[in-house]
Amino acid sequence: MTNGITTCFDLIRHGEPVGGLMFRGSLDDPLSDTGWQQVSAAITEDNQWDLIITSPLRRCHDFALQLAQQRQLPLHVEPRLREIGFGDWEGRTSADIMARTPDALSRFWNDPVNHPAPRGESITAFYERVAEAWLHWQKGAAGKRVLVMCHGGVIRMVLSEVMGIPIDRVFSAVSVPYACRTRVRVDQSDRGVFSCLQSHGS
């Protein structure tokens, strides 16, 4: 190619789901009223996108569908962007897990590669499927402005890929609160593909 192509991705974590803060993983809870307010506040009328990509889980998909309909934007459901599976921890709070297995959470946060959630998805497999989706959409949405409705774990995996953060460190190194917005710019030219974190936070 002779002219460079720039693609802008805005990744937004879902708001609070029904049931509050817990290890949710593959559980498909919808957003609470507070969650709708949080993620609605993360969007402004000035935001302009060409398409929306969403996790299939309701806490992302329901809002993405509503926004796509309101703005008449194409909506793509990407199964590879679902949250990491937390196995036996799904549906449980940190306090509950700490009460039963005091050291398990600290081991996971410090080294999830070697200390995954019991019967949960491995961090390596999680990273690989998110990275595969990320590469796919860099090509499939090249030159466009893209909103990605997804999860805290997914955003961490994308930042691991973009910034070179080791996957055994990214869970503890990066905070991703509800409705957090992360902007990544991807430039493609004859010199290669260059990704840059432009902003991260609420």
N, C-alpha and C. Protein backbone atom coordinates (compact mmCIF):
# COMPACT_ATOMS: atom_id res chain seq x y z
N MET A 1 0.85 -1.19 0.00
CA MET A 1 0.00 0.00 0.00
C MET A 1 0.88 1.24 0.00
N THR A 2 0.39 2.28 -0.61
CA THR A 2 1.15 3.52 -0.64
C THR A 2 0.64 4.50 0.41
N ASN A 3 -0.67 4.56 0.60
CA ASN A 3 -1.23 5.46 1.61
C ASN A 3 -1.53 4.68 2.88
N GLY A 4 -1.24 5.31 4.02
CA GLY A 4 -1.51 4.65 5.28
C GLY A 4 -3.00 4.57 5.58
N ILE A 5 -3.37 3.58 6.37
CA ILE A 5 -4.77 3.40 6.79
C ILE A 5 -4.80 3.45 8.31
N THR A 6 -5.65 4.29 8.85
CA THR A 6 -5.80 4.42 10.29
C THR A 6 -7.15 3.90 10.73
N THR A 7 -7.14 3.04 11.73
CA THR A 7 -8.37 2.50 12.32
C THR A 7 -8.39 2.88 13.79
N CYS A 8 -9.53 3.38 14.24
CA CYS A 8 -9.66 3.81 15.63
C CYS A 8 -10.66 2.90 16.35
N PHE A 9 -10.21 2.27 17.44
CA PHE A 9 -11.06 1.39 18.23
C PHE A 9 -11.34 2.04 19.59
N ASP A 10 -12.60 2.18 19.93
CA ASP A 10 -13.01 2.55 21.29
C ASP A 10 -13.57 1.30 21.95
N LEU A 11 -12.85 0.80 22.94
CA LEU A 11 -13.31 -0.37 23.68
C LEU A 11 -13.95 0.11 24.98
N ILE A 12 -15.19 -0.28 25.23
CA ILE A 12 -15.90 0.13 26.43
C ILE A 12 -16.34 -1.12 27.20
N ARG A 13 -15.96 -1.15 28.47
CA ARG A 13 -16.44 -2.24 29.32
C ARG A 13 -17.91 -1.99 29.66
N HIS A 14 -18.66 -3.06 29.79
CA HIS A 14 -20.06 -2.97 30.18
C HIS A 14 -20.21 -2.31 31.56
N GLY A 15 -21.42 -1.88 31.89
CA GLY A 15 -21.71 -1.37 33.22
C GLY A 15 -22.00 -2.50 34.20
N GLU A 16 -22.44 -2.12 35.39
CA GLU A 16 -22.73 -3.10 36.44
C GLU A 16 -23.87 -4.03 36.03
N PRO A 17 -23.67 -5.34 36.11
CA PRO A 17 -24.75 -6.27 35.82
C PRO A 17 -25.66 -6.49 37.03
N VAL A 18 -26.82 -7.05 36.78
CA VAL A 18 -27.70 -7.47 37.86
C VAL A 18 -26.94 -8.46 38.75
N GLY A 19 -27.00 -8.26 40.05
CA GLY A 19 -26.28 -9.13 40.98
C GLY A 19 -25.02 -8.49 41.52
N GLY A 20 -24.62 -7.36 40.93
CA GLY A 20 -23.48 -6.64 41.47
C GLY A 20 -22.14 -7.27 41.15
N LEU A 21 -21.13 -6.85 41.92
CA LEU A 21 -19.75 -7.23 41.66
C LEU A 21 -19.49 -8.67 42.08
N MET A 22 -19.07 -9.49 41.14
CA MET A 22 -18.73 -10.89 41.40
C MET A 22 -17.89 -11.40 40.23
N PHE A 23 -17.38 -12.60 40.38
CA PHE A 23 -16.71 -13.27 39.26
C PHE A 23 -17.81 -13.84 38.37
N ARG A 24 -18.05 -13.18 37.24
CA ARG A 24 -19.21 -13.52 36.41
C ARG A 24 -18.81 -14.41 35.23
N GLY A 25 -17.73 -14.08 34.56
CA GLY A 25 -17.25 -14.91 33.46
C GLY A 25 -18.30 -15.14 32.40
N SER A 26 -18.68 -16.40 32.22
CA SER A 26 -19.62 -16.76 31.16
C SER A 26 -21.07 -16.66 31.59
N LEU A 27 -21.35 -16.31 32.85
CA LEU A 27 -22.73 -16.10 33.28
C LEU A 27 -23.33 -14.94 32.49
N ASP A 28 -24.58 -15.07 32.10
CA ASP A 28 -25.16 -14.12 31.15
C ASP A 28 -26.18 -13.19 31.81
N ASP A 29 -25.76 -12.50 32.86
CA ASP A 29 -26.64 -11.56 33.54
C ASP A 29 -26.79 -10.28 32.71
N PRO A 30 -27.99 -9.68 32.69
CA PRO A 30 -28.17 -8.39 32.02
C PRO A 30 -27.63 -7.25 32.88
N LEU A 31 -27.61 -6.07 32.32
CA LEU A 31 -27.21 -4.89 33.07
C LEU A 31 -28.28 -4.51 34.09
N SER A 32 -27.83 -4.02 35.24
CA SER A 32 -28.74 -3.43 36.22
C SER A 32 -29.11 -2.02 35.75
N ASP A 33 -30.05 -1.39 36.43
CA ASP A 33 -30.38 -0.01 36.10
C ASP A 33 -29.15 0.89 36.23
N THR A 34 -28.38 0.65 37.29
CA THR A 34 -27.14 1.41 37.47
C THR A 34 -26.18 1.16 36.32
N GLY A 35 -26.10 -0.09 35.88
CA GLY A 35 -25.22 -0.43 34.77
C GLY A 35 -25.59 0.28 33.48
N TRP A 36 -26.90 0.37 33.21
CA TRP A 36 -27.36 1.12 32.03
C TRP A 36 -26.95 2.58 32.13
N GLN A 37 -27.09 3.15 33.31
CA GLN A 37 -26.71 4.55 33.51
C GLN A 37 -25.21 4.75 33.31
N GLN A 38 -24.43 3.82 33.84
CA GLN A 38 -22.98 3.94 33.72
C GLN A 38 -22.52 3.93 32.28
N VAL A 39 -22.99 2.95 31.53
CA VAL A 39 -22.51 2.82 30.15
C VAL A 39 -23.13 3.88 29.25
N SER A 40 -24.35 4.32 29.56
CA SER A 40 -24.95 5.42 28.79
C SER A 40 -24.15 6.70 28.98
N ALA A 41 -23.64 6.91 30.21
CA ALA A 41 -22.86 8.11 30.50
C ALA A 41 -21.50 8.10 29.80
N ALA A 42 -21.06 6.91 29.39
CA ALA A 42 -19.77 6.80 28.70
C ALA A 42 -19.85 7.18 27.23
N ILE A 43 -21.07 7.36 26.73
CA ILE A 43 -21.31 7.69 25.33
C ILE A 43 -21.78 9.14 25.23
N THR A 44 -21.27 9.89 24.26
CA THR A 44 -21.74 11.25 24.04
C THR A 44 -22.24 11.39 22.61
N GLU A 45 -23.00 12.43 22.37
CA GLU A 45 -23.53 12.69 21.03
C GLU A 45 -22.39 12.97 20.04
N ASP A 46 -21.28 13.43 20.55
CA ASP A 46 -20.14 13.76 19.67
C ASP A 46 -19.40 12.52 19.18
N ASN A 47 -19.59 11.39 19.87
CA ASN A 47 -18.91 10.17 19.45
C ASN A 47 -19.44 9.70 18.10
N GLN A 48 -18.52 9.45 17.18
CA GLN A 48 -18.90 9.01 15.84
C GLN A 48 -18.22 7.68 15.54
N TRP A 49 -19.02 6.68 15.21
CA TRP A 49 -18.50 5.37 14.83
C TRP A 49 -19.12 4.92 13.52
N ASP A 50 -18.42 4.00 12.86
CA ASP A 50 -18.92 3.43 11.61
C ASP A 50 -19.57 2.07 11.83
N LEU A 51 -19.20 1.40 12.89
CA LEU A 51 -19.79 0.10 13.22
C LEU A 51 -19.56 -0.22 14.69
N ILE A 52 -20.33 -1.18 15.19
CA ILE A 52 -20.21 -1.63 16.57
C ILE A 52 -19.95 -3.13 16.56
N ILE A 53 -18.99 -3.54 17.38
CA ILE A 53 -18.69 -4.96 17.60
C ILE A 53 -18.99 -5.25 19.06
N THR A 54 -19.62 -6.39 19.34
CA THR A 54 -19.97 -6.68 20.72
C THR A 54 -19.73 -8.14 21.09
N SER A 55 -19.42 -8.34 22.35
CA SER A 55 -19.48 -9.67 22.95
C SER A 55 -20.91 -10.16 22.86
N PRO A 56 -21.12 -11.49 22.78
CA PRO A 56 -22.48 -12.00 22.74
C PRO A 56 -23.20 -11.95 24.08
N LEU A 57 -22.48 -11.74 25.18
CA LEU A 57 -23.11 -11.77 26.50
C LEU A 57 -23.97 -10.53 26.71
N ARG A 58 -25.10 -10.71 27.39
CA ARG A 58 -26.13 -9.68 27.45
C ARG A 58 -25.65 -8.36 28.05
N ARG A 59 -24.74 -8.42 29.01
CA ARG A 59 -24.28 -7.19 29.65
C ARG A 59 -23.54 -6.28 28.67
N CYS A 60 -23.13 -6.82 27.55
CA CYS A 60 -22.56 -6.02 26.46
C CYS A 60 -23.54 -5.87 25.30
N HIS A 61 -24.13 -7.00 24.90
CA HIS A 61 -24.93 -7.05 23.69
C HIS A 61 -26.19 -6.20 23.76
N ASP A 62 -26.87 -6.19 24.92
CA ASP A 62 -28.13 -5.46 25.02
C ASP A 62 -27.93 -3.96 24.74
N PHE A 63 -26.90 -3.39 25.35
CA PHE A 63 -26.63 -1.97 25.14
C PHE A 63 -26.14 -1.72 23.72
N ALA A 64 -25.26 -2.60 23.21
CA ALA A 64 -24.73 -2.44 21.85
C ALA A 64 -25.85 -2.47 20.83
N LEU A 65 -26.83 -3.37 21.02
CA LEU A 65 -27.95 -3.47 20.10
C LEU A 65 -28.80 -2.20 20.12
N GLN A 66 -29.08 -1.70 21.32
CA GLN A 66 -29.87 -0.47 21.43
C GLN A 66 -29.17 0.70 20.75
N LEU A 67 -27.87 0.84 21.00
CA LEU A 67 -27.11 1.95 20.42
C LEU A 67 -27.04 1.82 18.90
N ALA A 68 -26.83 0.59 18.41
CA ALA A 68 -26.76 0.37 16.96
C ALA A 68 -28.08 0.74 16.29
N GLN A 69 -29.19 0.41 16.94
CA GLN A 69 -30.50 0.75 16.38
C GLN A 69 -30.72 2.27 16.41
N GLN A 70 -30.34 2.91 17.50
CA GLN A 70 -30.52 4.36 17.62
C GLN A 70 -29.73 5.12 16.57
N ARG A 71 -28.52 4.65 16.30
CA ARG A 71 -27.62 5.38 15.40
C ARG A 71 -27.56 4.76 14.00
N GLN A 72 -28.35 3.70 13.81
CA GLN A 72 -28.41 3.02 12.51
C GLN A 72 -27.02 2.59 12.04
N LEU A 73 -26.33 1.88 12.94
CA LEU A 73 -24.99 1.38 12.66
C LEU A 73 -24.99 -0.13 12.51
N PRO A 74 -24.11 -0.68 11.68
CA PRO A 74 -23.97 -2.13 11.61
C PRO A 74 -23.50 -2.69 12.96
N LEU A 75 -24.07 -3.83 13.35
CA LEU A 75 -23.70 -4.48 14.61
C LEU A 75 -23.17 -5.87 14.31
N HIS A 76 -21.98 -6.17 14.82
CA HIS A 76 -21.37 -7.48 14.63
C HIS A 76 -21.17 -8.14 15.98
N VAL A 77 -21.71 -9.34 16.16
CA VAL A 77 -21.53 -10.10 17.39
C VAL A 77 -20.29 -10.97 17.23
N GLU A 78 -19.32 -10.81 18.12
CA GLU A 78 -18.03 -11.51 18.03
C GLU A 78 -17.88 -12.44 19.23
N PRO A 79 -18.15 -13.74 19.05
CA PRO A 79 -18.07 -14.69 20.17
C PRO A 79 -16.71 -14.75 20.85
N ARG A 80 -15.65 -14.46 20.12
CA ARG A 80 -14.31 -14.53 20.70
C ARG A 80 -14.05 -13.42 21.72
N LEU A 81 -14.95 -12.46 21.80
CA LEU A 81 -14.78 -11.35 22.75
C LEU A 81 -15.59 -11.56 24.03
N ARG A 82 -16.10 -12.77 24.26
CA ARG A 82 -16.76 -13.03 25.55
C ARG A 82 -15.70 -13.04 26.66
N GLU A 83 -16.16 -12.86 27.90
CA GLU A 83 -15.23 -12.80 29.03
C GLU A 83 -14.57 -14.15 29.27
N ILE A 84 -13.43 -14.14 29.97
CA ILE A 84 -12.77 -15.37 30.37
C ILE A 84 -13.70 -16.19 31.26
N GLY A 85 -13.68 -17.50 31.10
CA GLY A 85 -14.49 -18.37 31.95
C GLY A 85 -13.81 -18.59 33.29
N PHE A 86 -14.52 -18.29 34.38
CA PHE A 86 -13.94 -18.39 35.71
C PHE A 86 -14.25 -19.71 36.41
N GLY A 87 -14.81 -20.66 35.72
CA GLY A 87 -14.99 -21.99 36.29
C GLY A 87 -15.78 -21.99 37.60
N ASP A 88 -15.19 -22.59 38.64
CA ASP A 88 -15.88 -22.72 39.93
C ASP A 88 -16.10 -21.39 40.63
N TRP A 89 -15.45 -20.33 40.18
CA TRP A 89 -15.61 -19.03 40.82
C TRP A 89 -16.81 -18.24 40.27
N GLU A 90 -17.39 -18.70 39.19
CA GLU A 90 -18.46 -17.92 38.57
C GLU A 90 -19.67 -17.82 39.51
N GLY A 91 -20.18 -16.59 39.64
CA GLY A 91 -21.30 -16.33 40.52
C GLY A 91 -20.91 -16.10 41.97
N ARG A 92 -19.61 -16.09 42.26
CA ARG A 92 -19.15 -15.92 43.64
C ARG A 92 -18.42 -14.58 43.79
N THR A 93 -18.49 -14.01 44.96
CA THR A 93 -17.80 -12.75 45.24
C THR A 93 -16.37 -13.03 45.69
N SER A 94 -15.56 -11.99 45.66
CA SER A 94 -14.18 -12.13 46.15
C SER A 94 -14.17 -12.51 47.62
N ALA A 95 -15.09 -11.92 48.41
CA ALA A 95 -15.13 -12.22 49.84
C ALA A 95 -15.43 -13.68 50.09
N ASP A 96 -16.33 -14.25 49.31
CA ASP A 96 -16.68 -15.67 49.46
C ASP A 96 -15.51 -16.57 49.12
N ILE A 97 -14.82 -16.23 48.02
CA ILE A 97 -13.66 -17.04 47.62
C ILE A 97 -12.55 -16.92 48.66
N MET A 98 -12.33 -15.72 49.17
CA MET A 98 -11.30 -15.51 50.19
C MET A 98 -11.61 -16.29 51.46
N ALA A 99 -12.88 -16.36 51.81
CA ALA A 99 -13.27 -17.08 53.04
C ALA A 99 -13.01 -18.58 52.91
N ARG A 100 -13.18 -19.11 51.72
CA ARG A 100 -13.04 -20.56 51.51
C ARG A 100 -11.61 -20.98 51.14
N THR A 101 -10.99 -20.16 50.29
CA THR A 101 -9.62 -20.46 49.84
C THR A 101 -8.82 -19.16 49.88
N PRO A 102 -8.29 -18.80 51.04
CA PRO A 102 -7.71 -17.46 51.26
C PRO A 102 -6.62 -17.05 50.28
N ASP A 103 -5.79 -17.98 49.83
CA ASP A 103 -4.66 -17.60 48.99
C ASP A 103 -4.94 -17.69 47.50
N ALA A 104 -6.08 -18.26 47.13
CA ALA A 104 -6.35 -18.55 45.72
C ALA A 104 -6.44 -17.28 44.88
N LEU A 105 -7.11 -16.26 45.39
CA LEU A 105 -7.28 -15.03 44.62
C LEU A 105 -5.96 -14.28 44.44
N SER A 106 -5.18 -14.18 45.49
CA SER A 106 -3.91 -13.47 45.36
C SER A 106 -2.98 -14.19 44.38
N ARG A 107 -3.01 -15.52 44.39
CA ARG A 107 -2.20 -16.28 43.43
C ARG A 107 -2.68 -16.01 42.00
N PHE A 108 -4.01 -15.96 41.82
CA PHE A 108 -4.56 -15.70 40.48
C PHE A 108 -4.16 -14.31 39.99
N TRP A 109 -4.37 -13.28 40.81
CA TRP A 109 -4.06 -11.92 40.37
C TRP A 109 -2.58 -11.73 40.10
N ASN A 110 -1.72 -12.41 40.88
CA ASN A 110 -0.28 -12.25 40.70
C ASN A 110 0.30 -13.10 39.58
N ASP A 111 -0.35 -14.25 39.31
CA ASP A 111 0.18 -15.15 38.27
C ASP A 111 -0.95 -16.03 37.74
N PRO A 112 -1.86 -15.45 36.92
CA PRO A 112 -3.01 -16.22 36.42
C PRO A 112 -2.63 -17.33 35.45
N VAL A 113 -1.43 -17.25 34.87
CA VAL A 113 -1.01 -18.31 33.96
C VAL A 113 -0.85 -19.62 34.71
N ASN A 114 -0.20 -19.56 35.87
CA ASN A 114 0.06 -20.78 36.64
C ASN A 114 -0.97 -21.05 37.73
N HIS A 115 -1.84 -20.06 37.99
CA HIS A 115 -2.84 -20.24 39.05
C HIS A 115 -4.22 -19.77 38.56
N PRO A 116 -4.78 -20.47 37.56
CA PRO A 116 -6.09 -20.07 37.04
C PRO A 116 -7.20 -20.39 38.03
N ALA A 117 -8.39 -19.86 37.76
CA ALA A 117 -9.55 -20.24 38.56
C ALA A 117 -9.80 -21.74 38.41
N PRO A 118 -10.21 -22.42 39.47
CA PRO A 118 -10.45 -23.85 39.39
C PRO A 118 -11.45 -24.19 38.29
N ARG A 119 -11.03 -25.07 37.40
CA ARG A 119 -11.83 -25.49 36.26
C ARG A 119 -12.22 -24.34 35.34
N GLY A 120 -11.44 -23.25 35.41
CA GLY A 120 -11.68 -22.10 34.56
C GLY A 120 -10.88 -22.17 33.27
N GLU A 121 -11.14 -21.23 32.39
CA GLU A 121 -10.41 -21.13 31.13
C GLU A 121 -8.98 -20.68 31.40
N SER A 122 -8.02 -21.24 30.71
CA SER A 122 -6.64 -20.82 30.92
C SER A 122 -6.43 -19.42 30.34
N ILE A 123 -5.57 -18.65 30.98
CA ILE A 123 -5.30 -17.30 30.51
C ILE A 123 -4.67 -17.33 29.13
N THR A 124 -3.90 -18.36 28.84
CA THR A 124 -3.27 -18.46 27.52
C THR A 124 -4.31 -18.66 26.43
N ALA A 125 -5.27 -19.55 26.67
CA ALA A 125 -6.34 -19.78 25.69
C ALA A 125 -7.19 -18.53 25.52
N PHE A 126 -7.46 -17.85 26.63
CA PHE A 126 -8.22 -16.60 26.59
C PHE A 126 -7.51 -15.56 25.75
N TYR A 127 -6.23 -15.36 26.01
CA TYR A 127 -5.44 -14.40 25.25
C TYR A 127 -5.45 -14.75 23.76
N GLU A 128 -5.30 -16.00 23.44
CA GLU A 128 -5.21 -16.40 22.04
C GLU A 128 -6.50 -16.11 21.29
N ARG A 129 -7.65 -16.37 21.91
CA ARG A 129 -8.90 -16.11 21.18
C ARG A 129 -9.18 -14.62 21.06
N VAL A 130 -8.84 -13.84 22.09
CA VAL A 130 -9.03 -12.39 21.99
C VAL A 130 -8.07 -11.81 20.94
N ALA A 131 -6.82 -12.24 20.96
CA ALA A 131 -5.84 -11.74 19.99
C ALA A 131 -6.25 -12.11 18.56
N GLU A 132 -6.84 -13.27 18.40
CA GLU A 132 -7.32 -13.69 17.08
C GLU A 132 -8.44 -12.76 16.59
N ALA A 133 -9.37 -12.44 17.49
CA ALA A 133 -10.45 -11.53 17.13
C ALA A 133 -9.92 -10.12 16.85
N TRP A 134 -8.97 -9.68 17.66
CA TRP A 134 -8.37 -8.36 17.49
C TRP A 134 -7.70 -8.23 16.13
N LEU A 135 -6.94 -9.22 15.73
CA LEU A 135 -6.28 -9.21 14.43
C LEU A 135 -7.32 -9.24 13.30
N HIS A 136 -8.36 -10.05 13.48
CA HIS A 136 -9.41 -10.16 12.47
C HIS A 136 -10.05 -8.80 12.20
N TRP A 137 -10.39 -8.07 13.27
CA TRP A 137 -11.10 -6.81 13.09
C TRP A 137 -10.19 -5.66 12.70
N GLN A 138 -8.90 -5.77 12.98
CA GLN A 138 -7.98 -4.78 12.43
C GLN A 138 -8.02 -4.80 10.90
N LYS A 139 -8.19 -6.00 10.35
CA LYS A 139 -8.27 -6.14 8.90
C LYS A 139 -9.70 -5.88 8.41
N GLY A 140 -10.69 -6.45 9.13
CA GLY A 140 -12.07 -6.38 8.67
C GLY A 140 -12.68 -5.00 8.79
N ALA A 141 -12.15 -4.18 9.70
CA ALA A 141 -12.68 -2.82 9.90
C ALA A 141 -11.64 -1.76 9.57
N ALA A 142 -10.67 -2.10 8.76
CA ALA A 142 -9.57 -1.18 8.45
C ALA A 142 -10.09 0.14 7.92
N GLY A 143 -9.57 1.23 8.50
CA GLY A 143 -9.93 2.56 8.06
C GLY A 143 -11.18 3.12 8.68
N LYS A 144 -11.80 2.38 9.61
CA LYS A 144 -13.07 2.80 10.20
C LYS A 144 -12.91 3.19 11.67
N ARG A 145 -13.97 3.79 12.18
CA ARG A 145 -14.06 4.12 13.61
C ARG A 145 -14.98 3.08 14.24
N VAL A 146 -14.46 2.35 15.21
CA VAL A 146 -15.13 1.15 15.71
C VAL A 146 -15.38 1.25 17.21
N LEU A 147 -16.61 0.97 17.61
CA LEU A 147 -16.93 0.80 19.03
C LEU A 147 -16.96 -0.68 19.34
N VAL A 148 -16.24 -1.09 20.39
CA VAL A 148 -16.23 -2.47 20.83
C VAL A 148 -16.80 -2.54 22.25
N MET A 149 -17.96 -3.17 22.41
CA MET A 149 -18.55 -3.37 23.72
C MET A 149 -18.09 -4.73 24.24
N CYS A 150 -17.35 -4.71 25.36
CA CYS A 150 -16.75 -5.96 25.79
C CYS A 150 -16.55 -5.99 27.30
N HIS A 151 -15.54 -6.71 27.77
CA HIS A 151 -15.36 -7.02 29.18
C HIS A 151 -13.99 -6.55 29.67
N GLY A 152 -13.85 -6.47 31.00
CA GLY A 152 -12.59 -6.06 31.58
C GLY A 152 -11.43 -6.96 31.18
N GLY A 153 -11.66 -8.25 31.20
CA GLY A 153 -10.61 -9.19 30.81
C GLY A 153 -10.22 -9.04 29.36
N VAL A 154 -11.20 -8.81 28.49
CA VAL A 154 -10.92 -8.64 27.06
C VAL A 154 -10.07 -7.39 26.83
N ILE A 155 -10.42 -6.29 27.50
CA ILE A 155 -9.64 -5.06 27.34
C ILE A 155 -8.21 -5.28 27.82
N ARG A 156 -8.04 -6.02 28.90
CA ARG A 156 -6.68 -6.32 29.38
C ARG A 156 -5.89 -7.12 28.35
N MET A 157 -6.53 -8.08 27.69
CA MET A 157 -5.83 -8.88 26.68
C MET A 157 -5.44 -8.02 25.48
N VAL A 158 -6.32 -7.11 25.07
CA VAL A 158 -5.98 -6.21 23.97
C VAL A 158 -4.80 -5.32 24.35
N LEU A 159 -4.82 -4.79 25.57
CA LEU A 159 -3.70 -3.96 26.01
C LEU A 159 -2.41 -4.77 26.13
N SER A 160 -2.53 -6.02 26.50
CA SER A 160 -1.35 -6.89 26.53
C SER A 160 -0.74 -7.00 25.14
N GLU A 161 -1.60 -7.14 24.14
CA GLU A 161 -1.14 -7.25 22.75
C GLU A 161 -0.57 -5.93 22.26
N VAL A 162 -1.26 -4.83 22.54
CA VAL A 162 -0.85 -3.53 22.02
C VAL A 162 0.41 -3.01 22.70
N MET A 163 0.50 -3.20 24.03
CA MET A 163 1.57 -2.58 24.80
C MET A 163 2.67 -3.56 25.21
N GLY A 164 2.50 -4.83 24.88
CA GLY A 164 3.53 -5.80 25.21
C GLY A 164 3.59 -6.14 26.69
N ILE A 165 2.46 -6.00 27.40
CA ILE A 165 2.42 -6.37 28.82
C ILE A 165 2.28 -7.89 28.91
N PRO A 166 3.14 -8.56 29.66
CA PRO A 166 3.02 -10.02 29.78
C PRO A 166 1.65 -10.42 30.32
N ILE A 167 1.09 -11.49 29.78
CA ILE A 167 -0.26 -11.88 30.20
C ILE A 167 -0.30 -12.32 31.66
N ASP A 168 0.82 -12.69 32.23
CA ASP A 168 0.81 -13.07 33.65
C ASP A 168 0.84 -11.86 34.57
N ARG A 169 0.94 -10.64 33.96
CA ARG A 169 0.97 -9.42 34.75
C ARG A 169 -0.22 -8.50 34.50
N VAL A 170 -0.89 -8.67 33.37
CA VAL A 170 -1.84 -7.66 32.92
C VAL A 170 -3.08 -7.57 33.80
N PHE A 171 -3.49 -8.67 34.47
CA PHE A 171 -4.67 -8.59 35.33
C PHE A 171 -4.42 -7.68 36.53
N SER A 172 -3.24 -7.79 37.11
CA SER A 172 -2.93 -6.96 38.27
C SER A 172 -2.41 -5.59 37.87
N ALA A 173 -1.91 -5.43 36.65
CA ALA A 173 -1.26 -4.19 36.23
C ALA A 173 -2.23 -3.15 35.68
N VAL A 174 -3.42 -3.59 35.23
CA VAL A 174 -4.34 -2.68 34.55
C VAL A 174 -5.71 -2.73 35.23
N SER A 175 -6.18 -1.57 35.67
CA SER A 175 -7.53 -1.45 36.25
C SER A 175 -8.53 -1.12 35.15
N VAL A 176 -9.66 -1.85 35.14
CA VAL A 176 -10.70 -1.62 34.12
C VAL A 176 -12.05 -1.58 34.83
N PRO A 177 -12.45 -0.43 35.37
CA PRO A 177 -13.74 -0.34 36.07
C PRO A 177 -14.92 -0.41 35.10
N TYR A 178 -16.11 -0.53 35.66
CA TYR A 178 -17.31 -0.53 34.83
C TYR A 178 -17.35 0.72 33.93
N ALA A 179 -17.75 0.52 32.68
CA ALA A 179 -17.92 1.59 31.69
C ALA A 179 -16.62 2.31 31.35
N CYS A 180 -15.49 1.69 31.66
CA CYS A 180 -14.18 2.24 31.30
C CYS A 180 -14.03 2.27 29.78
N ARG A 181 -13.46 3.38 29.28
CA ARG A 181 -13.21 3.54 27.84
C ARG A 181 -11.72 3.46 27.55
N THR A 182 -11.39 2.69 26.54
CA THR A 182 -10.01 2.54 26.10
C THR A 182 -9.95 2.79 24.61
N ARG A 183 -9.10 3.73 24.18
CA ARG A 183 -8.98 4.03 22.75
C ARG A 183 -7.62 3.56 22.24
N VAL A 184 -7.66 2.77 21.17
CA VAL A 184 -6.45 2.28 20.52
C VAL A 184 -6.49 2.68 19.05
N ARG A 185 -5.40 3.26 18.59
CA ARG A 185 -5.25 3.64 17.18
C ARG A 185 -4.32 2.64 16.51
N VAL A 186 -4.75 2.17 15.35
CA VAL A 186 -3.95 1.21 14.58
C VAL A 186 -3.65 1.83 13.22
N ASP A 187 -2.36 1.99 12.92
CA ASP A 187 -1.92 2.54 11.65
C ASP A 187 -1.26 1.44 10.82
N GLN A 188 -1.73 1.29 9.58
CA GLN A 188 -1.18 0.30 8.67
C GLN A 188 -0.58 1.02 7.47
N SER A 189 0.64 0.66 7.12
CA SER A 189 1.30 1.25 5.96
C SER A 189 2.30 0.25 5.41
N ASP A 190 3.07 0.69 4.42
CA ASP A 190 4.10 -0.18 3.85
C ASP A 190 5.15 -0.57 4.89
N ARG A 191 5.26 0.21 5.95
CA ARG A 191 6.25 -0.06 6.99
C ARG A 191 5.76 -1.07 8.01
N GLY A 192 4.49 -1.42 7.96
CA GLY A 192 3.95 -2.41 8.89
C GLY A 192 2.71 -1.89 9.60
N VAL A 193 2.37 -2.56 10.69
CA VAL A 193 1.20 -2.21 11.48
C VAL A 193 1.67 -1.71 12.84
N PHE A 194 1.21 -0.54 13.23
CA PHE A 194 1.62 0.06 14.49
C PHE A 194 0.39 0.39 15.32
N SER A 195 0.35 -0.11 16.55
CA SER A 195 -0.78 0.13 17.44
C SER A 195 -0.34 1.04 18.58
N CYS A 196 -1.24 1.93 18.98
CA CYS A 196 -0.91 2.91 20.02
C CYS A 196 -2.10 3.11 20.95
N LEU A 197 -1.86 2.99 22.26
CA LEU A 197 -2.88 3.32 23.24
C LEU A 197 -2.98 4.84 23.32
N GLN A 198 -4.17 5.38 23.05
CA GLN A 198 -4.36 6.83 23.09
C GLN A 198 -4.99 7.31 24.39
N SER A 199 -5.85 6.51 24.99
CA SER A 199 -6.46 6.89 26.26
C SER A 199 -7.02 5.65 26.95
N HIS A 200 -7.14 5.74 28.28
CA HIS A 200 -7.68 4.64 29.07
C HIS A 200 -8.24 5.22 30.36
N GLY A 201 -9.51 4.95 30.63
CA GLY A 201 -10.12 5.45 31.85
C GLY A 201 -11.56 5.81 31.62
N SER A 202 -12.21 6.34 32.67
CA SER A 202 -13.62 6.69 32.58
C SER A 202 -13.81 8.04 31.90
